[in-house]
PDB file of N, CA and C in Angstrom:
ATOM      1  N   MET A   1     -33.834 101.004 -30.873  1.00  0.00           N
ATOM      2  CA  MET A   1     -34.122 102.389 -31.180  1.00  0.00           C
ATOM      3  C   MET A   1     -34.852 102.457 -32.503  1.00  0.00           C
ATOM      4  N   ILE A   2     -35.877 103.261 -32.558  1.00  0.00           N
ATOM      5  CA  ILE A   2     -36.607 103.506 -33.790  1.00  0.00           C
ATOM      6  C   ILE A   2     -36.500 104.987 -34.081  1.00  0.00           C
ATOM      7  N   LEU A   3     -36.141 105.310 -35.317  1.00  0.00           N
ATOM      8  CA  LEU A   3     -35.994 106.707 -35.711  1.00  0.00           C
ATOM      9  C   LEU A   3     -37.024 106.993 -36.785  1.00  0.00           C
ATOM     10  N   SER A   4     -37.921 107.912 -36.532  1.00  0.00           N
ATOM     11  CA  SER A   4     -38.971 108.186 -37.496  1.00  0.00           C
ATOM     12  C   SER A   4     -39.425 109.635 -37.373  1.00  0.00           C
ATOM     13  N   CYS A   5     -39.484 110.330 -38.474  1.00  0.00           N
ATOM     14  CA  CYS A   5     -40.005 111.695 -38.537  1.00  0.00           C
ATOM     15  C   CYS A   5     -39.338 112.630 -37.534  1.00  0.00           C
ATOM     16  N   GLY A   6     -38.056 112.474 -37.311  1.00  0.00           N
ATOM     17  CA  GLY A   6     -37.348 113.357 -36.413  1.00  0.00           C
ATOM     18  C   GLY A   6     -37.492 113.000 -34.942  1.00  0.00           C
ATOM     19  N   TYR A   7     -38.274 111.975 -34.621  1.00  0.00           N
ATOM     20  CA  TYR A   7     -38.413 111.542 -33.231  1.00  0.00           C
ATOM     21  C   TYR A   7     -37.438 110.407 -32.975  1.00  0.00           C
ATOM     22  N   LEU A   8     -36.759 110.457 -31.844  1.00  0.00           N
ATOM     23  CA  LEU A   8     -35.870 109.377 -31.440  1.00  0.00           C
ATOM     24  C   LEU A   8     -36.508 108.668 -30.253  1.00  0.00           C
ATOM     25  N   TRP A   9     -36.677 107.365 -30.382  1.00  0.00           N
ATOM     26  CA  TRP A   9     -37.156 106.545 -29.270  1.00  0.00           C
ATOM     27  C   TRP A   9     -35.968 105.839 -28.681  1.00  0.00           C
ATOM     28  N   TYR A  10     -35.883 105.814 -27.388  1.00  0.00           N
ATOM     29  CA  TYR A  10     -34.779 105.123 -26.754  1.00  0.00           C
ATOM     30  C   TYR A  10     -35.249 104.577 -25.409  1.00  0.00           C
ATOM     31  N   ASN A  11     -34.477 103.676 -24.860  1.00  0.00           N
ATOM     32  CA  ASN A  11     -34.831 103.053 -23.596  1.00  0.00           C
ATOM     33  C   ASN A  11     -33.814 103.461 -22.549  1.00  0.00           C
ATOM     34  N   VAL A  12     -34.257 104.152 -21.526  1.00  0.00           N
ATOM     35  CA  VAL A  12     -33.388 104.550 -20.432  1.00  0.00           C
ATOM     36  C   VAL A  12     -33.973 103.971 -19.147  1.00  0.00           C
ATOM     37  N   LYS A  13     -33.223 103.096 -18.511  1.00  0.00           N
ATOM     38  CA  LYS A  13     -33.660 102.470 -17.269  1.00  0.00           C
ATOM     39  C   LYS A  13     -35.080 101.917 -17.398  1.00  0.00           C
ATOM     40  N   TYR A  14     -35.312 101.170 -18.460  1.00  0.00           N
ATOM     41  CA  TYR A  14     -36.573 100.469 -18.708  1.00  0.00           C
ATOM     42  C   TYR A  14     -37.754 101.394 -18.976  1.00  0.00           C
ATOM     43  N   LYS A  15     -37.500 102.637 -19.289  1.00  0.00           N
ATOM     44  CA  LYS A  15     -38.572 103.567 -19.626  1.00  0.00           C
ATOM     45  C   LYS A  15     -38.415 103.975 -21.077  1.00  0.00           C
ATOM     46  N   SER A  16     -39.490 103.932 -21.829  1.00  0.00           N
ATOM     47  CA  SER A  16     -39.440 104.460 -23.182  1.00  0.00           C
ATOM     48  C   SER A  16     -39.648 105.956 -23.108  1.00  0.00           C
ATOM     49  N   MET A  17     -38.788 106.679 -23.773  1.00  0.00           N
ATOM     50  CA  MET A  17     -38.890 108.127 -23.783  1.00  0.00           C
ATOM     51  C   MET A  17     -38.794 108.599 -25.224  1.00  0.00           C
ATOM     52  N   LYS A  18     -39.352 109.746 -25.490  1.00  0.00           N
ATOM     53  CA  LYS A  18     -39.334 110.281 -26.835  1.00  0.00           C
ATOM     54  C   LYS A  18     -38.817 111.709 -26.778  1.00  0.00           C
ATOM     55  N   ILE A  19     -37.941 112.044 -27.711  1.00  0.00           N
ATOM     56  CA  ILE A  19     -37.457 113.416 -27.809  1.00  0.00           C
ATOM     57  C   ILE A  19     -37.489 113.803 -29.275  1.00  0.00           C
ATOM     58  N   LYS A  20     -37.833 115.024 -29.522  1.00  0.00           N
ATOM     59  CA  LYS A  20     -37.790 115.529 -30.892  1.00  0.00           C
ATOM     60  C   LYS A  20     -36.717 116.595 -30.938  1.00  0.00           C
ATOM     61  N   PHE A  21     -35.637 116.303 -31.642  1.00  0.00           N
ATOM     62  CA  PHE A  21     -34.585 117.293 -31.812  1.00  0.00           C
ATOM     63  C   PHE A  21     -35.032 118.324 -32.836  1.00  0.00           C
ATOM     64  N   ARG A  22     -34.659 119.540 -32.583  1.00  0.00           N
ATOM     65  CA  ARG A  22     -34.977 120.598 -33.544  1.00  0.00           C
ATOM     66  C   ARG A  22     -34.190 120.375 -34.834  1.00  0.00           C
ATOM     67  N   PRO A  23     -34.795 120.617 -35.993  1.00  0.00           N
ATOM     68  CA  PRO A  23     -34.075 120.432 -37.266  1.00  0.00           C
ATOM     69  C   PRO A  23     -32.825 121.308 -37.354  1.00  0.00           C
ATOM     70  N   THR A  24     -32.828 122.445 -36.686  1.00  0.00           N
ATOM     71  CA  THR A  24     -31.667 123.336 -36.741  1.00  0.00           C
ATOM     72  C   THR A  24     -30.475 122.779 -35.980  1.00  0.00           C
ATOM     73  N   LEU A  25     -30.715 121.816 -35.104  1.00  0.00           N
ATOM     74  CA  LEU A  25     -29.625 121.218 -34.341  1.00  0.00           C
ATOM     75  C   LEU A  25     -28.765 120.310 -35.225  1.00  0.00           C
ATOM     76  N   PHE A  26     -29.409 119.602 -36.129  1.00  0.00           N
ATOM     77  CA  PHE A  26     -28.699 118.693 -37.041  1.00  0.00           C
ATOM     78  C   PHE A  26     -29.011 119.097 -38.484  1.00  0.00           C
ATOM     79  N   TRP A  27     -28.680 120.330 -38.817  1.00  0.00           N
ATOM     80  CA  TRP A  27     -29.004 120.900 -40.113  1.00  0.00           C
ATOM     81  C   TRP A  27     -28.238 120.265 -41.271  1.00  0.00           C
ATOM     82  N   ASP A  28     -27.110 119.666 -41.005  1.00  0.00           N
ATOM     83  CA  ASP A  28     -26.228 119.214 -42.081  1.00  0.00           C
ATOM     84  C   ASP A  28     -26.284 117.717 -42.362  1.00  0.00           C
ATOM     85  N   VAL A  29     -27.178 117.007 -41.682  1.00  0.00           N
ATOM     86  CA  VAL A  29     -27.289 115.562 -41.897  1.00  0.00           C
ATOM     87  C   VAL A  29     -28.757 115.162 -41.996  1.00  0.00           C
ATOM     88  N   ASN A  30     -28.972 113.984 -42.523  1.00  0.00           N
ATOM     89  CA  ASN A  30     -30.310 113.422 -42.575  1.00  0.00           C
ATOM     90  C   ASN A  30     -30.613 112.840 -41.191  1.00  0.00           C
ATOM     91  N   PRO A  31     -31.615 113.368 -40.482  1.00  0.00           N
ATOM     92  CA  PRO A  31     -31.890 112.890 -39.131  1.00  0.00           C
ATOM     93  C   PRO A  31     -32.200 111.401 -39.062  1.00  0.00           C
ATOM     94  N   LYS A  32     -32.673 110.822 -40.135  1.00  0.00           N
ATOM     95  CA  LYS A  32     -32.990 109.396 -40.146  1.00  0.00           C
ATOM     96  C   LYS A  32     -31.738 108.526 -40.126  1.00  0.00           C
ATOM     97  N   LYS A  33     -30.590 109.112 -40.418  1.00  0.00           N
ATOM     98  CA  LYS A  33     -29.344 108.346 -40.464  1.00  0.00           C
ATOM     99  C   LYS A  33     -28.492 108.504 -39.211  1.00  0.00           C
ATOM    100  N   ILE A  34     -28.961 109.268 -38.237  1.00  0.00           N
ATOM    101  CA  ILE A  34     -28.213 109.460 -37.001  1.00  0.00           C
ATOM    102  C   ILE A  34     -28.413 108.241 -36.109  1.00  0.00           C
ATOM    103  N   ASP A  35     -27.315 107.640 -35.686  1.00  0.00           N
ATOM    104  CA  ASP A  35     -27.344 106.503 -34.776  1.00  0.00           C
ATOM    105  C   ASP A  35     -26.855 106.987 -33.408  1.00  0.00           C
ATOM    106  N   LEU A  36     -27.647 106.741 -32.359  1.00  0.00           N
ATOM    107  CA  LEU A  36     -27.331 107.268 -31.035  1.00  0.00           C
ATOM    108  C   LEU A  36     -26.010 106.752 -30.480  1.00  0.00           C
ATOM    109  N   LYS A  37     -25.619 105.532 -30.844  1.00  0.00           N
ATOM    110  CA  LYS A  37     -24.345 104.986 -30.352  1.00  0.00           C
ATOM    111  C   LYS A  37     -23.189 105.366 -31.269  1.00  0.00           C
ATOM    112  N   LYS A  38     -23.344 105.108 -32.557  1.00  0.00           N
ATOM    113  CA  LYS A  38     -22.250 105.374 -33.504  1.00  0.00           C
ATOM    114  C   LYS A  38     -21.917 106.854 -33.601  1.00  0.00           C
ATOM    115  N   ASN A  39     -22.912 107.687 -33.493  1.00  0.00           N
ATOM    116  CA  ASN A  39     -22.730 109.131 -33.647  1.00  0.00           C
ATOM    117  C   ASN A  39     -22.793 109.871 -32.317  1.00  0.00           C
ATOM    118  N   ALA A  40     -22.456 109.194 -31.242  1.00  0.00           N
ATOM    119  CA  ALA A  40     -22.564 109.791 -29.903  1.00  0.00           C
ATOM    120  C   ALA A  40     -21.743 111.071 -29.775  1.00  0.00           C
ATOM    121  N   GLN A  41     -20.507 111.057 -30.238  1.00  0.00           N
ATOM    122  CA  GLN A  41     -19.673 112.253 -30.117  1.00  0.00           C
ATOM    123  C   GLN A  41     -20.301 113.424 -30.860  1.00  0.00           C
ATOM    124  N   TYR A  42     -20.747 113.185 -32.066  1.00  0.00           N
ATOM    125  CA  TYR A  42     -21.384 114.222 -32.884  1.00  0.00           C
ATOM    126  C   TYR A  42     -22.624 114.779 -32.180  1.00  0.00           C
ATOM    127  N   ILE A  43     -23.464 113.899 -31.658  1.00  0.00           N
ATOM    128  CA  ILE A  43     -24.696 114.320 -30.984  1.00  0.00           C
ATOM    129  C   ILE A  43     -24.369 115.128 -29.729  1.00  0.00           C
ATOM    130  N   ILE A  44     -23.433 114.629 -28.935  1.00  0.00           N
ATOM    131  CA  ILE A  44     -23.056 115.316 -27.696  1.00  0.00           C
ATOM    132  C   ILE A  44     -22.491 116.705 -27.989  1.00  0.00           C
ATOM    133  N   GLU A  45     -21.619 116.806 -28.979  1.00  0.00           N
ATOM    134  CA  GLU A  45     -21.036 118.111 -29.326  1.00  0.00           C
ATOM    135  C   GLU A  45     -22.102 119.092 -29.793  1.00  0.00           C
ATOM    136  N   ARG A  46     -23.027 118.629 -30.620  1.00  0.00           N
ATOM    137  CA  ARG A  46     -24.089 119.517 -31.101  1.00  0.00           C
ATOM    138  C   ARG A  46     -24.984 119.978 -29.966  1.00  0.00           C
ATOM    139  N   ILE A  47     -25.378 119.050 -29.108  1.00  0.00           N
ATOM    140  CA  ILE A  47     -26.249 119.417 -27.988  1.00  0.00           C
ATOM    141  C   ILE A  47     -25.512 120.345 -27.028  1.00  0.00           C
ATOM    142  N   ALA A  48     -24.246 120.057 -26.770  1.00  0.00           N
ATOM    143  CA  ALA A  48     -23.474 120.899 -25.844  1.00  0.00           C
ATOM    144  C   ALA A  48     -23.372 122.329 -26.366  1.00  0.00           C
ATOM    145  N   ASP A  49     -23.096 122.489 -27.634  1.00  0.00           N
ATOM    146  CA  ASP A  49     -22.898 123.831 -28.197  1.00  0.00           C
ATOM    147  C   ASP A  49     -24.205 124.541 -28.555  1.00  0.00           C
ATOM    148  N   PHE A  50     -25.171 123.818 -29.101  1.00  0.00           N
ATOM    149  CA  PHE A  50     -26.356 124.464 -29.670  1.00  0.00           C
ATOM    150  C   PHE A  50     -27.687 123.997 -29.089  1.00  0.00           C
ATOM    151  N   GLY A  51     -27.650 123.025 -28.180  1.00  0.00           N
ATOM    152  CA  GLY A  51     -28.889 122.454 -27.658  1.00  0.00           C
ATOM    153  C   GLY A  51     -29.586 123.348 -26.654  1.00  0.00           C
ATOM    154  N   ASN A  52     -30.886 123.103 -26.503  1.00  0.00           N
ATOM    155  CA  ASN A  52     -31.649 123.830 -25.488  1.00  0.00           C
ATOM    156  C   ASN A  52     -31.656 123.012 -24.191  1.00  0.00           C
ATOM    157  N   ASP A  53     -32.359 123.487 -23.175  1.00  0.00           N
ATOM    158  CA  ASP A  53     -32.377 122.811 -21.868  1.00  0.00           C
ATOM    159  C   ASP A  53     -32.897 121.381 -21.968  1.00  0.00           C
ATOM    160  N   LYS A  54     -33.958 121.185 -22.726  1.00  0.00           N
ATOM    161  CA  LYS A  54     -34.557 119.853 -22.860  1.00  0.00           C
ATOM    162  C   LYS A  54     -33.561 118.883 -23.501  1.00  0.00           C
ATOM    163  N   GLU A  55     -32.874 119.325 -24.533  1.00  0.00           N
ATOM    164  CA  GLU A  55     -31.904 118.467 -25.216  1.00  0.00           C
ATOM    165  C   GLU A  55     -30.687 118.192 -24.332  1.00  0.00           C
ATOM    166  N   ALA A  56     -30.275 119.183 -23.557  1.00  0.00           N
ATOM    167  CA  ALA A  56     -29.145 118.988 -22.637  1.00  0.00           C
ATOM    168  C   ALA A  56     -29.503 117.982 -21.550  1.00  0.00           C
ATOM    169  N   ARG A  57     -30.713 118.088 -21.006  1.00  0.00           N
ATOM    170  CA  ARG A  57     -31.160 117.121 -19.993  1.00  0.00           C
ATOM    171  C   ARG A  57     -31.229 115.721 -20.584  1.00  0.00           C
ATOM    172  N   TRP A  58     -31.707 115.621 -21.815  1.00  0.00           N
ATOM    173  CA  TRP A  58     -31.764 114.320 -22.481  1.00  0.00           C
ATOM    174  C   TRP A  58     -30.361 113.724 -22.586  1.00  0.00           C
ATOM    175  N   ALA A  59     -29.389 114.516 -23.027  1.00  0.00           N
ATOM    176  CA  ALA A  59     -28.013 114.022 -23.167  1.00  0.00           C
ATOM    177  C   ALA A  59     -27.457 113.585 -21.816  1.00  0.00           C
ATOM    178  N   LEU A  60     -27.715 114.371 -20.778  1.00  0.00           N
ATOM    179  CA  LEU A  60     -27.221 114.030 -19.436  1.00  0.00           C
ATOM    180  C   LEU A  60     -27.849 112.736 -18.921  1.00  0.00           C
ATOM    181  N   ASN A  61     -29.088 112.477 -19.278  1.00  0.00           N
ATOM    182  CA  ASN A  61     -29.770 111.255 -18.834  1.00  0.00           C
ATOM    183  C   ASN A  61     -29.474 110.055 -19.728  1.00  0.00           C
ATOM    184  N   HIS A  62     -29.211 110.309 -20.983  1.00  0.00           N
ATOM    185  CA  HIS A  62     -29.035 109.212 -21.935  1.00  0.00           C
ATOM    186  C   HIS A  62     -27.605 108.675 -21.980  1.00  0.00           C
ATOM    187  N   TYR A  63     -26.635 109.558 -22.003  1.00  0.00           N
ATOM    188  CA  TYR A  63     -25.243 109.142 -22.148  1.00  0.00           C
ATOM    189  C   TYR A  63     -24.539 109.037 -20.799  1.00  0.00           C
ATOM    190  N   ASP A  64     -23.622 108.098 -20.715  1.00  0.00           N
ATOM    191  CA  ASP A  64     -22.807 107.892 -19.526  1.00  0.00           C
ATOM    192  C   ASP A  64     -21.987 109.150 -19.238  1.00  0.00           C
ATOM    193  N   LYS A  65     -21.899 109.505 -17.974  1.00  0.00           N
ATOM    194  CA  LYS A  65     -21.166 110.731 -17.588  1.00  0.00           C
ATOM    195  C   LYS A  65     -19.702 110.679 -18.019  1.00  0.00           C
ATOM    196  N   ASN A  66     -19.087 109.507 -17.952  1.00  0.00           N
ATOM    197  CA  ASN A  66     -17.686 109.389 -18.380  1.00  0.00           C
ATOM    198  C   ASN A  66     -17.531 109.663 -19.870  1.00  0.00           C
ATOM    199  N   LEU A  67     -18.482 109.190 -20.667  1.00  0.00           N
ATOM    200  CA  LEU A  67     -18.444 109.474 -22.104  1.00  0.00           C
ATOM    201  C   LEU A  67     -18.621 110.968 -22.352  1.00  0.00           C
ATOM    202  N   LEU A  68     -19.559 111.587 -21.651  1.00  0.00           N
ATOM    203  CA  LEU A  68     -19.776 113.033 -21.792  1.00  0.00           C
ATOM    204  C   LEU A  68     -18.509 113.814 -21.437  1.00  0.00           C
ATOM    205  N   ARG A  69     -17.878 113.440 -20.315  1.00  0.00           N
ATOM    206  CA  ARG A  69     -16.640 114.111 -19.908  1.00  0.00           C
ATOM    207  C   ARG A  69     -15.557 113.953 -20.979  1.00  0.00           C
ATOM    208  N   LYS A  70     -15.410 112.751 -21.496  1.00  0.00           N
ATOM    209  CA  LYS A  70     -14.384 112.473 -22.503  1.00  0.00           C
ATOM    210  C   LYS A  70     -14.615 113.304 -23.764  1.00  0.00           C
ATOM    211  N   VAL A  71     -15.849 113.329 -24.239  1.00  0.00           N
ATOM    212  CA  VAL A  71     -16.165 114.095 -25.457  1.00  0.00           C
ATOM    213  C   VAL A  71     -15.913 115.574 -25.229  1.00  0.00           C
ATOM    214  N   VAL A  72     -16.381 116.109 -24.100  1.00  0.00           N
ATOM    215  CA  VAL A  72     -16.215 117.538 -23.819  1.00  0.00           C
ATOM    216  C   VAL A  72     -14.737 117.896 -23.688  1.00  0.00           C
ATOM    217  N   SER A  73     -13.978 117.083 -23.000  1.00  0.00           N
ATOM    218  CA  SER A  73     -12.567 117.423 -22.777  1.00  0.00           C
ATOM    219  C   SER A  73     -11.710 117.278 -24.039  1.00  0.00           C
ATOM    220  N   LYS A  74     -12.041 116.335 -24.906  1.00  0.00           N
ATOM    221  CA  LYS A  74     -11.203 116.088 -26.085  1.00  0.00           C
ATOM    222  C   LYS A  74     -11.693 116.787 -27.357  1.00  0.00           C
ATOM    223  N   SER A  75     -12.887 117.351 -27.316  1.00  0.00           N
ATOM    224  CA  SER A  75     -13.449 117.981 -28.508  1.00  0.00           C
ATOM    225  C   SER A  75     -12.635 119.196 -28.948  1.00  0.00           C
ATOM    226  N   ARG A  76     -12.417 119.274 -30.257  1.00  0.00           N
ATOM    227  CA  ARG A  76     -11.711 120.432 -30.807  1.00  0.00           C
ATOM    228  C   ARG A  76     -12.675 121.427 -31.443  1.00  0.00           C
ATOM    229  N   CYS A  77     -13.965 121.099 -31.430  1.00  0.00           N
ATOM    230  CA  CYS A  77     -14.914 122.008 -32.076  1.00  0.00           C
ATOM    231  C   CYS A  77     -15.812 122.759 -31.085  1.00  0.00           C
ATOM    232  N   LEU A  78     -15.806 122.363 -29.817  1.00  0.00           N
ATOM    233  CA  LEU A  78     -16.621 123.080 -28.834  1.00  0.00           C
ATOM    234  C   LEU A  78     -15.983 124.420 -28.470  1.00  0.00           C
ATOM    235  N   ARG A  79     -16.818 125.405 -28.273  1.00  0.00           N
ATOM    236  CA  ARG A  79     -16.327 126.714 -27.849  1.00  0.00           C
ATOM    237  C   ARG A  79     -15.816 126.623 -26.417  1.00  0.00           C
ATOM    238  N   PRO A  80     -14.813 127.446 -26.055  1.00  0.00           N
ATOM    239  CA  PRO A  80     -14.254 127.400 -24.692  1.00  0.00           C
ATOM    240  C   PRO A  80     -15.303 127.591 -23.599  1.00  0.00           C
ATOM    241  N   GLU A  81     -16.247 128.505 -23.810  1.00  0.00           N
ATOM    242  CA  GLU A  81     -17.267 128.728 -22.780  1.00  0.00           C
ATOM    243  C   GLU A  81     -18.211 127.526 -22.665  1.00  0.00           C
ATOM    244  N   THR A  82     -18.424 126.820 -23.764  1.00  0.00           N
ATOM    245  CA  THR A  82     -19.242 125.605 -23.723  1.00  0.00           C
ATOM    246  C   THR A  82     -18.529 124.527 -22.921  1.00  0.00           C
ATOM    247  N   LYS A  83     -17.230 124.372 -23.162  1.00  0.00           N
ATOM    248  CA  LYS A  83     -16.448 123.379 -22.407  1.00  0.00           C
ATOM    249  C   LYS A  83     -16.476 123.685 -20.919  1.00  0.00           C
ATOM    250  N   THR A  84     -16.332 124.944 -20.560  1.00  0.00           N
ATOM    251  CA  THR A  84     -16.341 125.337 -19.154  1.00  0.00           C
ATOM    252  C   THR A  84     -17.683 124.989 -18.503  1.00  0.00           C
ATOM    253  N   LEU A  85     -18.776 125.331 -19.165  1.00  0.00           N
ATOM    254  CA  LEU A  85     -20.101 125.045 -18.631  1.00  0.00           C
ATOM    255  C   LEU A  85     -20.304 123.547 -18.436  1.00  0.00           C
ATOM    256  N   TRP A  86     -19.990 122.761 -19.459  1.00  0.00           N
ATOM    257  CA  TRP A  86     -20.223 121.315 -19.373  1.00  0.00           C
ATOM    258  C   TRP A  86     -19.278 120.654 -18.373  1.00  0.00           C
ATOM    259  N   ASN A  87     -18.085 121.166 -18.225  1.00  0.00           N
ATOM    260  CA  ASN A  87     -17.194 120.626 -17.190  1.00  0.00           C
ATOM    261  C   ASN A  87     -17.773 120.867 -15.799  1.00  0.00           C
ATOM    262  N   LEU A  88     -18.402 122.022 -15.587  1.00  0.00           N
ATOM    263  CA  LEU A  88     -19.072 122.295 -14.316  1.00  0.00           C
ATOM    264  C   LEU A  88     -20.280 121.382 -14.114  1.00  0.00           C
ATOM    265  N   LEU A  89     -21.061 121.161 -15.181  1.00  0.00           N
ATOM    266  CA  LEU A  89     -22.236 120.295 -15.087  1.00  0.00           C
ATOM    267  C   LEU A  89     -21.850 118.841 -14.789  1.00  0.00           C
ATOM    268  N   LEU A  90     -20.682 118.435 -15.272  1.00  0.00           N
ATOM    269  CA  LEU A  90     -20.279 117.030 -15.161  1.00  0.00           C
ATOM    270  C   LEU A  90     -19.311 116.759 -14.009  1.00  0.00           C
ATOM    271  N   LYS A  91     -19.090 117.754 -13.160  1.00  0.00           N
ATOM    272  CA  LYS A  91     -18.201 117.543 -12.014  1.00  0.00           C
ATOM    273  C   LYS A  91     -18.735 116.415 -11.157  1.00  0.00           C
ATOM    274  N   LYS A  92     -17.822 115.663 -10.586  1.00  0.00           N
ATOM    275  CA  LYS A  92     -18.222 114.545  -9.704  1.00  0.00           C
ATOM    276  C   LYS A  92     -18.759 115.060  -8.392  1.00  0.00           C
TER     277      LYS A  92
END
């Protein structure tokens, strides 16, 4: 993964993809210090609560569904309506 100028490069199923997160999504941290694996819970919670459609699709394609379910179900900072929506999106 290369992180530069707010763009995250990652490899999903042998395809290089690029996404630019909005600065308002991660307003409280330096975007250059966000690690997609180490900070997965933080990223998932932010996208779930404040992300747009493009960012939500990215999270659904990038992260394992079991990890997404675990973060959504155990999170203490997600709003109840956000949890309900993501539980519906992640149903088997």
